[in-house]
Protein backbone atom coordinates (compact mmCIF):
# COMPACT_ATOMS: atom_id res chain seq x y z
CA MET A 1 166.10 -193.48 -140.24
CA ALA A 2 163.90 -190.43 -139.57
CA ARG A 3 165.70 -187.25 -138.68
CA TYR A 4 164.40 -184.42 -136.55
CA LYS A 5 163.97 -181.36 -138.76
CA GLY A 6 163.14 -178.78 -136.11
CA ILE A 7 160.07 -177.04 -134.80
CA ASN A 8 159.20 -175.63 -138.22
CA GLN A 9 158.18 -179.08 -139.47
CA ILE A 10 155.29 -179.40 -136.99
CA SER A 11 151.90 -179.20 -138.68
CA GLY A 12 149.47 -176.39 -137.95
CA VAL A 13 147.06 -178.60 -136.03
CA ASP A 14 149.87 -179.91 -133.83
CA ARG A 15 150.98 -176.35 -133.07
CA ILE A 16 147.45 -175.46 -131.99
CA VAL A 17 147.24 -178.57 -129.78
CA VAL A 18 150.60 -177.82 -128.14
CA ALA A 19 149.61 -174.20 -127.59
CA LEU A 20 146.33 -175.27 -125.96
CA MET A 21 148.18 -177.78 -123.77
CA ILE A 22 150.26 -174.88 -122.45
CA VAL A 23 147.68 -172.09 -122.34
CA VAL A 24 144.71 -173.93 -120.79
CA PRO A 25 146.45 -175.34 -117.66
CA THR A 26 148.40 -172.12 -117.14
CA SER A 27 145.27 -169.99 -117.33
CA LEU A 28 143.40 -172.33 -114.98
CA VAL A 29 146.18 -172.14 -112.39
CA LEU A 30 146.31 -168.36 -112.66
CA TRP A 31 142.52 -168.04 -112.45
CA LEU A 32 141.81 -170.61 -109.72
CA VAL A 33 144.95 -170.27 -107.55
CA TRP A 34 146.86 -167.02 -108.00
CA LEU A 35 143.97 -164.62 -108.62
CA PRO A 36 142.07 -165.62 -105.44
CA ALA A 37 145.28 -165.69 -103.40
CA ILE A 38 146.37 -162.21 -104.48
CA GLY A 39 142.81 -160.93 -104.25
CA SER A 40 142.40 -162.14 -100.69
CA VAL A 41 145.56 -160.30 -99.67
CA CYS A 42 145.05 -157.09 -101.65
CA PHE A 43 141.29 -156.80 -101.21
CA PRO A 44 140.35 -158.05 -97.74
CA SER A 45 136.75 -158.78 -97.01
CA PRO A 46 134.68 -155.76 -95.98
CA LEU A 47 132.98 -158.00 -93.44
CA GLU A 48 134.59 -157.74 -90.04
CA TRP A 49 134.37 -161.10 -88.32
CA HIS A 50 134.60 -159.82 -84.74
CA ARG A 51 131.21 -158.11 -85.16
CA LEU A 52 129.58 -161.48 -85.81
CA ASP A 53 130.39 -162.68 -82.28
CA ARG A 54 127.80 -160.41 -80.69
């Protein structure tokens, strides 16, 4: 029966794949969700919408 020998027994390629599976989705969420959300609150648009009604 195979026994689990710990994280140190994972090959180098598998470590890279696991790291990419964590880093890529996390960076996409930060870039496409959190950065625009925080940016829209901290840096409001210089365009004032009530001036467009005239």
